[in-house]
Amino acid sequence: MTQQTNRLWSQNETVGNTFVNNRRQYWGYDAAGAVVYDDETGYMRDAAGRTVQASKNAAKHPGIKTGRQDSQVM
């Protein structure tokens, strides 16, 4: 899937996505293939791979990279 359409109450939203090697471009993944960060959230997992923390605006949190070459930390 490279395009997704969402229905938001009375509006539609279409989002285009790019995937490389079955992974969404500009998202970060760990060695097991779990998402470490996406467009706005950073995820921390325990040793079993369960999500134990999700932080919004991951670019603002030290130690969590956004994966985007053009992004800036505000």
PDB file of N, CA and C in Angstrom:
ATOM      1  N   MET A   1       0.848  -1.164   0.000  1.00  0.00           N
ATOM      2  CA  MET A   1       0.000   0.000   0.000  1.00  0.00           C
ATOM      3  C   MET A   1       0.897   1.232   0.000  1.00  0.00           C
ATOM      4  N   THR A   2       0.691   2.111  -0.944  1.00  0.00           N
ATOM      5  CA  THR A   2       1.469   3.340  -0.987  1.00  0.00           C
ATOM      6  C   THR A   2       0.592   4.567  -0.818  1.00  0.00           C
ATOM      7  N   GLN A   3      -0.711   4.376  -0.712  1.00  0.00           N
ATOM      8  CA  GLN A   3      -1.619   5.489  -0.501  1.00  0.00           C
ATOM      9  C   GLN A   3      -2.724   5.049   0.432  1.00  0.00           C
ATOM     10  N   GLN A   4      -3.119   5.938   1.307  1.00  0.00           N
ATOM     11  CA  GLN A   4      -4.139   5.616   2.291  1.00  0.00           C
ATOM     12  C   GLN A   4      -5.137   6.757   2.330  1.00  0.00           C
ATOM     13  N   THR A   5      -6.429   6.444   2.350  1.00  0.00           N
ATOM     14  CA  THR A   5      -7.468   7.450   2.480  1.00  0.00           C
ATOM     15  C   THR A   5      -8.192   7.236   3.792  1.00  0.00           C
ATOM     16  N   ASN A   6      -8.274   8.290   4.584  1.00  0.00           N
ATOM     17  CA  ASN A   6      -8.940   8.228   5.882  1.00  0.00           C
ATOM     18  C   ASN A   6     -10.204   9.067   5.856  1.00  0.00           C
ATOM     19  N   ARG A   7     -11.200   8.651   6.579  1.00  0.00           N
ATOM     20  CA  ARG A   7     -12.437   9.417   6.720  1.00  0.00           C
ATOM     21  C   ARG A   7     -12.423  10.022   8.115  1.00  0.00           C
ATOM     22  N   LEU A   8     -12.381  11.347   8.180  1.00  0.00           N
ATOM     23  CA  LEU A   8     -12.335  12.070   9.437  1.00  0.00           C
ATOM     24  C   LEU A   8     -13.638  12.846   9.601  1.00  0.00           C
ATOM     25  N   TRP A   9     -14.580  12.266  10.276  1.00  0.00           N
ATOM     26  CA  TRP A   9     -15.924  12.814  10.465  1.00  0.00           C
ATOM     27  C   TRP A   9     -16.535  13.191   9.133  1.00  0.00           C
ATOM     28  N   SER A  10     -16.352  14.416   8.679  1.00  0.00           N
ATOM     29  CA  SER A  10     -16.998  14.834   7.439  1.00  0.00           C
ATOM     30  C   SER A  10     -15.989  15.172   6.346  1.00  0.00           C
ATOM     31  N   GLN A  11     -14.724  14.878   6.578  1.00  0.00           N
ATOM     32  CA  GLN A  11     -13.686  15.188   5.602  1.00  0.00           C
ATOM     33  C   GLN A  11     -12.898  13.939   5.258  1.00  0.00           C
ATOM     34  N   ASN A  12     -12.314  13.934   4.076  1.00  0.00           N
ATOM     35  CA  ASN A  12     -11.423  12.854   3.674  1.00  0.00           C
ATOM     36  C   ASN A  12      -9.986  13.356   3.688  1.00  0.00           C
ATOM     37  N   GLU A  13      -9.068  12.476   3.990  1.00  0.00           N
ATOM     38  CA  GLU A  13      -7.646  12.790   3.998  1.00  0.00           C
ATOM     39  C   GLU A  13      -6.933  11.683   3.233  1.00  0.00           C
ATOM     40  N   THR A  14      -6.142  12.051   2.231  1.00  0.00           N
ATOM     41  CA  THR A  14      -5.372  11.078   1.476  1.00  0.00           C
ATOM     42  C   THR A  14      -3.897  11.288   1.777  1.00  0.00           C
ATOM     43  N   VAL A  15      -3.211  10.201   2.128  1.00  0.00           N
ATOM     44  CA  VAL A  15      -1.806  10.263   2.503  1.00  0.00           C
ATOM     45  C   VAL A  15      -1.023   9.337   1.587  1.00  0.00           C
ATOM     46  N   GLY A  16       0.043   9.854   0.991  1.00  0.00           N
ATOM     47  CA  GLY A  16       0.918   9.029   0.166  1.00  0.00           C
ATOM     48  C   GLY A  16       2.138   8.612   0.976  1.00  0.00           C
ATOM     49  N   ASN A  17       2.541   7.377   0.867  1.00  0.00           N
ATOM     50  CA  ASN A  17       3.676   6.852   1.626  1.00  0.00           C
ATOM     51  C   ASN A  17       4.676   6.209   0.681  1.00  0.00           C
ATOM     52  N   THR A  18       5.955   6.286   1.039  1.00  0.00           N
ATOM     53  CA  THR A  18       7.019   5.654   0.266  1.00  0.00           C
ATOM     54  C   THR A  18       7.668   4.582   1.125  1.00  0.00           C
ATOM     55  N   PHE A  19       7.822   3.393   0.558  1.00  0.00           N
ATOM     56  CA  PHE A  19       8.420   2.272   1.274  1.00  0.00           C
ATOM     57  C   PHE A  19       9.675   1.804   0.558  1.00  0.00           C
ATOM     58  N   VAL A  20      10.713   1.495   1.329  1.00  0.00           N
ATOM     59  CA  VAL A  20      11.949   0.934   0.808  1.00  0.00           C
ATOM     60  C   VAL A  20      12.247  -0.307   1.650  1.00  0.00           C
ATOM     61  N   ASN A  21      12.414  -1.463   1.003  1.00  0.00           N
ATOM     62  CA  ASN A  21      12.644  -2.727   1.706  1.00  0.00           C
ATOM     63  C   ASN A  21      11.548  -3.016   2.739  1.00  0.00           C
ATOM     64  N   ASN A  22      10.310  -2.778   2.353  1.00  0.00           N
ATOM     65  CA  ASN A  22       9.138  -3.013   3.203  1.00  0.00           C
ATOM     66  C   ASN A  22       9.122  -2.179   4.469  1.00  0.00           C
ATOM     67  N   ARG A  23       9.815  -1.052   4.450  1.00  0.00           N
ATOM     68  CA  ARG A  23       9.818  -0.137   5.590  1.00  0.00           C
ATOM     69  C   ARG A  23       9.489   1.263   5.087  1.00  0.00           C
ATOM     70  N   ARG A  24       8.690   1.962   5.879  1.00  0.00           N
ATOM     71  CA  ARG A  24       8.299   3.305   5.481  1.00  0.00           C
ATOM     72  C   ARG A  24       9.507   4.235   5.541  1.00  0.00           C
ATOM     73  N   GLN A  25       9.696   4.976   4.456  1.00  0.00           N
ATOM     74  CA  GLN A  25      10.838   5.866   4.365  1.00  0.00           C
ATOM     75  C   GLN A  25      10.737   6.965   5.418  1.00  0.00           C
ATOM     76  N   TYR A  26      11.860   7.321   6.021  1.00  0.00           N
ATOM     77  CA  TYR A  26      12.014   8.345   7.054  1.00  0.00           C
ATOM     78  C   TYR A  26      11.526   7.903   8.431  1.00  0.00           C
ATOM     79  N   TRP A  27      11.098   6.674   8.588  1.00  0.00           N
ATOM     80  CA  TRP A  27      10.796   6.142   9.921  1.00  0.00           C
ATOM     81  C   TRP A  27      12.005   5.335  10.356  1.00  0.00           C
ATOM     82  N   GLY A  28      12.211   5.218  11.658  1.00  0.00           N
ATOM     83  CA  GLY A  28      13.342   4.457  12.177  1.00  0.00           C
ATOM     84  C   GLY A  28      12.888   3.113  12.707  1.00  0.00           C
ATOM     85  N   TYR A  29      13.714   2.095  12.508  1.00  0.00           N
ATOM     86  CA  TYR A  29      13.397   0.730  12.923  1.00  0.00           C
ATOM     87  C   TYR A  29      14.573   0.147  13.694  1.00  0.00           C
ATOM     88  N   ASP A  30      14.281  -0.726  14.650  1.00  0.00           N
ATOM     89  CA  ASP A  30      15.360  -1.427  15.354  1.00  0.00           C
ATOM     90  C   ASP A  30      15.722  -2.692  14.583  1.00  0.00           C
ATOM     91  N   ALA A  31      16.679  -3.456  15.102  1.00  0.00           N
ATOM     92  CA  ALA A  31      17.160  -4.653  14.411  1.00  0.00           C
ATOM     93  C   ALA A  31      16.067  -5.696  14.216  1.00  0.00           C
ATOM     94  N   ALA A  32      15.059  -5.706  15.104  1.00  0.00           N
ATOM     95  CA  ALA A  32      13.959  -6.669  14.997  1.00  0.00           C
ATOM     96  C   ALA A  32      12.866  -6.200  14.040  1.00  0.00           C
ATOM     97  N   GLY A  33      12.984  -4.967  13.521  1.00  0.00           N
ATOM     98  CA  GLY A  33      12.001  -4.451  12.576  1.00  0.00           C
ATOM     99  C   GLY A  33      10.879  -3.656  13.216  1.00  0.00           C
ATOM    100  N   ALA A  34      10.944  -3.421  14.518  1.00  0.00           N
ATOM    101  CA  ALA A  34       9.915  -2.632  15.196  1.00  0.00           C
ATOM    102  C   ALA A  34      10.182  -1.147  14.978  1.00  0.00           C
ATOM    103  N   VAL A  35       9.129  -0.347  14.870  1.00  0.00           N
ATOM    104  CA  VAL A  35       9.268   1.093  14.673  1.00  0.00           C
ATOM    105  C   VAL A  35       9.837   1.726  15.940  1.00  0.00           C
ATOM    106  N   VAL A  36      10.920   2.503  15.786  1.00  0.00           N
ATOM    107  CA  VAL A  36      11.537   3.216  16.906  1.00  0.00           C
ATOM    108  C   VAL A  36      11.051   4.666  16.913  1.00  0.00           C
ATOM    109  N   TYR A  37      10.863   5.242  15.741  1.00  0.00           N
ATOM    110  CA  TYR A  37      10.286   6.569  15.625  1.00  0.00           C
ATOM    111  C   TYR A  37       9.566   6.680  14.295  1.00  0.00           C
ATOM    112  N   ASP A  38       8.501   7.507  14.300  1.00  0.00           N
ATOM    113  CA  ASP A  38       7.774   7.785  13.072  1.00  0.00           C
ATOM    114  C   ASP A  38       7.766   9.295  12.864  1.00  0.00           C
ATOM    115  N   ASP A  39       6.777   9.830  12.183  1.00  0.00           N
ATOM    116  CA  ASP A  39       6.764  11.256  11.876  1.00  0.00           C
ATOM    117  C   ASP A  39       6.742  12.144  13.114  1.00  0.00           C
ATOM    118  N   GLU A  40       6.117  11.688  14.190  1.00  0.00           N
ATOM    119  CA  GLU A  40       6.005  12.553  15.360  1.00  0.00           C
ATOM    120  C   GLU A  40       6.129  11.839  16.701  1.00  0.00           C
ATOM    121  N   THR A  41       6.345  10.549  16.711  1.00  0.00           N
ATOM    122  CA  THR A  41       6.388   9.798  17.962  1.00  0.00           C
ATOM    123  C   THR A  41       7.617   8.908  18.020  1.00  0.00           C
ATOM    124  N   GLY A  42       8.268   8.886  19.193  1.00  0.00           N
ATOM    125  CA  GLY A  42       9.370   7.979  19.454  1.00  0.00           C
ATOM    126  C   GLY A  42       8.886   6.880  20.378  1.00  0.00           C
ATOM    127  N   TYR A  43       9.338   5.655  20.155  1.00  0.00           N
ATOM    128  CA  TYR A  43       8.874   4.503  20.930  1.00  0.00           C
ATOM    129  C   TYR A  43      10.037   3.839  21.646  1.00  0.00           C
ATOM    130  N   MET A  44       9.831   3.504  22.926  1.00  0.00           N
ATOM    131  CA  MET A  44      10.822   2.742  23.683  1.00  0.00           C
ATOM    132  C   MET A  44      10.212   1.388  23.985  1.00  0.00           C
ATOM    133  N   ARG A  45      11.026   0.332  23.862  1.00  0.00           N
ATOM    134  CA  ARG A  45      10.547  -1.031  24.085  1.00  0.00           C
ATOM    135  C   ARG A  45      11.374  -1.708  25.174  1.00  0.00           C
ATOM    136  N   ASP A  46      10.743  -2.678  25.840  1.00  0.00           N
ATOM    137  CA  ASP A  46      11.475  -3.462  26.840  1.00  0.00           C
ATOM    138  C   ASP A  46      12.210  -4.604  26.142  1.00  0.00           C
ATOM    139  N   ALA A  47      12.888  -5.447  26.904  1.00  0.00           N
ATOM    140  CA  ALA A  47      13.692  -6.538  26.334  1.00  0.00           C
ATOM    141  C   ALA A  47      12.847  -7.531  25.544  1.00  0.00           C
ATOM    142  N   ALA A  48      11.558  -7.637  25.858  1.00  0.00           N
ATOM    143  CA  ALA A  48      10.667  -8.545  25.140  1.00  0.00           C
ATOM    144  C   ALA A  48      10.087  -7.914  23.878  1.00  0.00           C
ATOM    145  N   GLY A  49      10.411  -6.637  23.621  1.00  0.00           N
ATOM    146  CA  GLY A  49       9.920  -5.968  22.427  1.00  0.00           C
ATOM    147  C   GLY A  49       8.581  -5.284  22.591  1.00  0.00           C
ATOM    148  N   ARG A  50       8.074  -5.216  23.821  1.00  0.00           N
ATOM    149  CA  ARG A  50       6.791  -4.552  24.071  1.00  0.00           C
ATOM    150  C   ARG A  50       7.015  -3.051  24.213  1.00  0.00           C
ATOM    151  N   THR A  51       6.108  -2.263  23.659  1.00  0.00           N
ATOM    152  CA  THR A  51       6.209  -0.817  23.792  1.00  0.00           C
ATOM    153  C   THR A  51       5.939  -0.424  25.239  1.00  0.00           C
ATOM    154  N   VAL A  52       6.895   0.287  25.843  1.00  0.00           N
ATOM    155  CA  VAL A  52       6.736   0.719  27.230  1.00  0.00           C
ATOM    156  C   VAL A  52       6.581   2.229  27.339  1.00  0.00           C
ATOM    157  N   GLN A  53       6.941   2.955  26.275  1.00  0.00           N
ATOM    158  CA  GLN A  53       6.775   4.397  26.289  1.00  0.00           C
ATOM    159  C   GLN A  53       6.663   4.895  24.860  1.00  0.00           C
ATOM    160  N   ALA A  54       5.779   5.852  24.651  1.00  0.00           N
ATOM    161  CA  ALA A  54       5.648   6.531  23.371  1.00  0.00           C
ATOM    162  C   ALA A  54       5.669   8.022  23.656  1.00  0.00           C
ATOM    163  N   SER A  55       6.580   8.745  23.012  1.00  0.00           N
ATOM    164  CA  SER A  55       6.739  10.176  23.251  1.00  0.00           C
ATOM    165  C   SER A  55       6.367  10.944  22.000  1.00  0.00           C
ATOM    166  N   LYS A  56       5.378  11.819  22.107  1.00  0.00           N
ATOM    167  CA  LYS A  56       5.001  12.676  20.985  1.00  0.00           C
ATOM    168  C   LYS A  56       6.099  13.681  20.719  1.00  0.00           C
ATOM    169  N   ASN A  57       6.120  14.215  19.497  1.00  0.00           N
ATOM    170  CA  ASN A  57       7.127  15.190  19.099  1.00  0.00           C
ATOM    171  C   ASN A  57       8.526  14.663  19.394  1.00  0.00           C
ATOM    172  N   ALA A  58       8.807  13.489  18.882  1.00  0.00           N
ATOM    173  CA  ALA A  58      10.072  12.803  19.159  1.00  0.00           C
ATOM    174  C   ALA A  58      11.282  13.648  18.785  1.00  0.00           C
ATOM    175  N   ALA A  59      11.142  14.517  17.800  1.00  0.00           N
ATOM    176  CA  ALA A  59      12.274  15.344  17.387  1.00  0.00           C
ATOM    177  C   ALA A  59      12.703  16.284  18.503  1.00  0.00           C
ATOM    178  N   LYS A  60      11.826  16.559  19.444  1.00  0.00           N
ATOM    179  CA  LYS A  60      12.139  17.465  20.539  1.00  0.00           C
ATOM    180  C   LYS A  60      12.810  16.745  21.701  1.00  0.00           C
ATOM    181  N   HIS A  61      12.832  15.414  21.654  1.00  0.00           N
ATOM    182  CA  HIS A  61      13.408  14.640  22.750  1.00  0.00           C
ATOM    183  C   HIS A  61      14.829  14.230  22.410  1.00  0.00           C
ATOM    184  N   PRO A  62      15.792  14.551  23.271  1.00  0.00           N
ATOM    185  CA  PRO A  62      17.172  14.161  22.986  1.00  0.00           C
ATOM    186  C   PRO A  62      17.312  12.645  22.879  1.00  0.00           C
ATOM    187  N   GLY A  63      18.144  12.200  21.972  1.00  0.00           N
ATOM    188  CA  GLY A  63      18.412  10.775  21.832  1.00  0.00           C
ATOM    189  C   GLY A  63      17.484  10.066  20.874  1.00  0.00           C
ATOM    190  N   ILE A  64      16.432  10.735  20.408  1.00  0.00           N
ATOM    191  CA  ILE A  64      15.516  10.132  19.428  1.00  0.00           C
ATOM    192  C   ILE A  64      15.673  10.908  18.130  1.00  0.00           C
ATOM    193  N   LYS A  65      16.191  10.248  17.101  1.00  0.00           N
ATOM    194  CA  LYS A  65      16.409  10.899  15.823  1.00  0.00           C
ATOM    195  C   LYS A  65      15.127  10.863  15.015  1.00  0.00           C
ATOM    196  N   THR A  66      14.945  11.873  14.170  1.00  0.00           N
ATOM    197  CA  THR A  66      13.751  11.909  13.341  1.00  0.00           C
ATOM    198  C   THR A  66      13.913  11.127  12.055  1.00  0.00           C
ATOM    199  N   GLY A  67      15.153  10.900  11.606  1.00  0.00           N
ATOM    200  CA  GLY A  67      15.383  10.178  10.366  1.00  0.00           C
ATOM    201  C   GLY A  67      15.284  11.052   9.143  1.00  0.00           C
ATOM    202  N   ARG A  68      14.834  12.273   9.296  1.00  0.00           N
ATOM    203  CA  ARG A  68      14.723  13.178   8.163  1.00  0.00           C
ATOM    204  C   ARG A  68      15.988  14.021   8.062  1.00  0.00           C
ATOM    205  N   GLN A  69      16.487  14.161   6.867  1.00  0.00           N
ATOM    206  CA  GLN A  69      17.683  14.966   6.663  1.00  0.00           C
ATOM    207  C   GLN A  69      17.387  16.446   6.785  1.00  0.00           C
ATOM    208  N   ASP A  70      16.145  16.853   6.510  1.00  0.00           N
ATOM    209  CA  ASP A  70      15.801  18.273   6.468  1.00  0.00           C
ATOM    210  C   ASP A  70      15.113  18.756   7.749  1.00  0.00           C
ATOM    211  N   SER A  71      14.985  17.928   8.752  1.00  0.00           N
ATOM    212  CA  SER A  71      14.255  18.334   9.949  1.00  0.00           C
ATOM    213  C   SER A  71      15.142  19.137  10.887  1.00  0.00           C
ATOM    214  N   GLN A  72      14.497  19.951  11.682  1.00  0.00           N
ATOM    215  CA  GLN A  72      15.193  20.756  12.658  1.00  0.00           C
ATOM    216  C   GLN A  72      14.581  20.512  14.029  1.00  0.00           C
ATOM    217  N   VAL A  73      15.404  20.540  15.043  1.00  0.00           N
ATOM    218  CA  VAL A  73      14.898  20.425  16.410  1.00  0.00           C
ATOM    219  C   VAL A  73      14.531  21.824  16.858  1.00  0.00           C
ATOM    220  N   MET A  74      13.308  21.979  17.333  1.00  0.00           N
ATOM    221  CA  MET A  74      12.838  23.299  17.763  1.00  0.00           C
ATOM    222  C   MET A  74      12.928  23.447  19.260  1.00  0.00           C
TER     223      MET A  74
END
